[in-house]
């Protein structure tokens, strides 16, 4: 299963629009245009098809965690018990 297949299945399963995916990627400071994003969801024999790289899928998954759970809370220093 390719990264494109995984990306497509997640988009359908989570009922995400291209705008949602762009916002999710922005949560991890990754910028992408609608046309770049659309090229990942085309069939692999289409002339404008583009393989989805590991970096894009990784950033999407990291952004999806923030989108679903919220940002990671800041770590606070614990005072020494000395």
C-alpha atoms as a PDB file:
ATOM      1  CA  UNK A   1       0.000   0.000   0.000  1.00  0.00           C
ATOM      2  CA  UNK A   2       1.487   3.342  -1.032  1.00  0.00           C
ATOM      3  CA  UNK A   3       1.506   6.595   0.922  1.00  0.00           C
ATOM      4  CA  UNK A   4      -1.037   7.914  -1.594  1.00  0.00           C
ATOM      5  CA  UNK A   5      -3.390   5.026  -0.776  1.00  0.00           C
ATOM      6  CA  UNK A   6      -3.032   5.632   2.963  1.00  0.00           C
ATOM      7  CA  UNK A   7      -3.629   9.370   2.509  1.00  0.00           C
ATOM      8  CA  UNK A   8      -6.746   8.718   0.370  1.00  0.00           C
ATOM      9  CA  UNK A   9      -8.183   6.227   2.851  1.00  0.00           C
ATOM     10  CA  UNK A  10      -7.631   8.579   5.799  1.00  0.00           C
ATOM     11  CA  UNK A  11      -9.256  11.450   3.911  1.00  0.00           C
ATOM     12  CA  UNK A  12     -12.347   9.361   3.158  1.00  0.00           C
ATOM     13  CA  UNK A  13     -12.555   7.695   6.586  1.00  0.00           C
ATOM     14  CA  UNK A  14     -12.268  11.022   8.441  1.00  0.00           C
ATOM     15  CA  UNK A  15     -14.457  12.849   5.887  1.00  0.00           C
ATOM     16  CA  UNK A  16     -11.824  15.560   5.359  1.00  0.00           C
ATOM     17  CA  UNK A  17     -11.961  18.166   2.611  1.00  0.00           C
ATOM     18  CA  UNK A  18      -8.855  19.525   0.907  1.00  0.00           C
ATOM     19  CA  UNK A  19      -9.261  22.686   3.003  1.00  0.00           C
ATOM     20  CA  UNK A  20      -9.297  20.574   6.184  1.00  0.00           C
ATOM     21  CA  UNK A  21      -6.102  18.805   5.135  1.00  0.00           C
ATOM     22  CA  UNK A  22      -4.391  22.108   4.312  1.00  0.00           C
ATOM     23  CA  UNK A  23      -5.351  23.441   7.780  1.00  0.00           C
ATOM     24  CA  UNK A  24      -4.099  20.240   9.421  1.00  0.00           C
ATOM     25  CA  UNK A  25      -0.750  20.570   7.644  1.00  0.00           C
ATOM     26  CA  UNK A  26      -0.544  24.237   8.693  1.00  0.00           C
ATOM     27  CA  UNK A  27      -0.740  23.092  12.333  1.00  0.00           C
ATOM     28  CA  UNK A  28       2.756  21.654  11.887  1.00  0.00           C
ATOM     29  CA  UNK A  29       3.949  24.621   9.784  1.00  0.00           C
ATOM     30  CA  UNK A  30       3.817  22.701   6.506  1.00  0.00           C
ATOM     31  CA  UNK A  31       2.489  24.712   3.564  1.00  0.00           C
ATOM     32  CA  UNK A  32       0.886  23.064   0.538  1.00  0.00           C
ATOM     33  CA  UNK A  33      -1.387  24.326  -2.220  1.00  0.00           C
ATOM     34  CA  UNK A  34      -4.698  22.791  -3.279  1.00  0.00           C
ATOM     35  CA  UNK A  35      -3.255  21.760  -6.632  1.00  0.00           C
ATOM     36  CA  UNK A  36      -0.260  20.035  -4.999  1.00  0.00           C
ATOM     37  CA  UNK A  37      -2.604  18.254  -2.618  1.00  0.00           C
ATOM     38  CA  UNK A  38      -4.959  17.215  -5.419  1.00  0.00           C
ATOM     39  CA  UNK A  39      -2.109  15.560  -7.291  1.00  0.00           C
ATOM     40  CA  UNK A  40      -1.780  12.990  -4.460  1.00  0.00           C
ATOM     41  CA  UNK A  41      -5.419  11.913  -4.807  1.00  0.00           C
ATOM     42  CA  UNK A  42      -5.396  11.317  -8.562  1.00  0.00           C
ATOM     43  CA  UNK A  43      -5.137   7.831 -10.051  1.00  0.00           C
ATOM     44  CA  UNK A  44      -1.553   6.791 -10.627  1.00  0.00           C
ATOM     45  CA  UNK A  45      -1.977   6.736 -14.418  1.00  0.00           C
ATOM     46  CA  UNK A  46      -3.143  10.389 -14.533  1.00  0.00           C
ATOM     47  CA  UNK A  47      -0.573  12.806 -16.029  1.00  0.00           C
ATOM     48  CA  UNK A  48      -0.739  15.102 -12.973  1.00  0.00           C
ATOM     49  CA  UNK A  49      -0.353  12.299 -10.420  1.00  0.00           C
ATOM     50  CA  UNK A  50       2.392  12.840  -7.864  1.00  0.00           C
ATOM     51  CA  UNK A  51       3.633  10.245  -5.363  1.00  0.00           C
ATOM     52  CA  UNK A  52       3.087  11.248  -1.737  1.00  0.00           C
ATOM     53  CA  UNK A  53       6.415  11.301   0.049  1.00  0.00           C
ATOM     54  CA  UNK A  54       7.083  10.140   3.582  1.00  0.00           C
ATOM     55  CA  UNK A  55       7.606  13.729   4.778  1.00  0.00           C
ATOM     56  CA  UNK A  56       4.152  14.861   3.659  1.00  0.00           C
ATOM     57  CA  UNK A  57       2.378  11.852   5.163  1.00  0.00           C
ATOM     58  CA  UNK A  58       4.380  12.202   8.402  1.00  0.00           C
ATOM     59  CA  UNK A  59       3.517  15.890   8.688  1.00  0.00           C
ATOM     60  CA  UNK A  60      -0.144  15.129   7.983  1.00  0.00           C
ATOM     61  CA  UNK A  61      -0.246  12.471  10.704  1.00  0.00           C
ATOM     62  CA  UNK A  62       1.486  14.765  13.210  1.00  0.00           C
ATOM     63  CA  UNK A  63      -0.934  17.562  12.329  1.00  0.00           C
ATOM     64  CA  UNK A  64      -3.867  15.159  12.609  1.00  0.00           C
ATOM     65  CA  UNK A  65      -2.892  14.397  16.212  1.00  0.00           C
ATOM     66  CA  UNK A  66      -2.968  18.120  17.019  1.00  0.00           C
ATOM     67  CA  UNK A  67      -6.229  18.553  15.085  1.00  0.00           C
ATOM     68  CA  UNK A  68      -7.951  15.742  17.001  1.00  0.00           C
ATOM     69  CA  UNK A  69      -6.356  16.074  20.478  1.00  0.00           C
ATOM     70  CA  UNK A  70      -5.251  19.690  20.630  1.00  0.00           C
ATOM     71  CA  UNK A  71      -1.730  21.033  21.059  1.00  0.00           C
ATOM     72  CA  UNK A  72       0.672  19.285  23.394  1.00  0.00           C
ATOM     73  CA  UNK A  73       0.689  20.978  26.806  1.00  0.00           C
ATOM     74  CA  UNK A  74       3.869  22.801  27.722  1.00  0.00           C
ATOM     75  CA  UNK A  75       6.173  20.899  30.033  1.00  0.00           C
ATOM     76  CA  UNK A  76       6.611  22.645  33.350  1.00  0.00           C
ATOM     77  CA  UNK A  77       9.723  22.241  35.383  1.00  0.00           C
ATOM     78  CA  UNK A  78       9.087  20.381  38.599  1.00  0.00           C
ATOM     79  CA  UNK A  79      10.732  21.849  41.664  1.00  0.00           C
ATOM     80  CA  UNK A  80      13.368  19.744  43.325  1.00  0.00           C
ATOM     81  CA  UNK A  81      12.237  18.036  46.511  1.00  0.00           C
ATOM     82  CA  UNK A  82      15.622  18.708  48.156  1.00  0.00           C
END
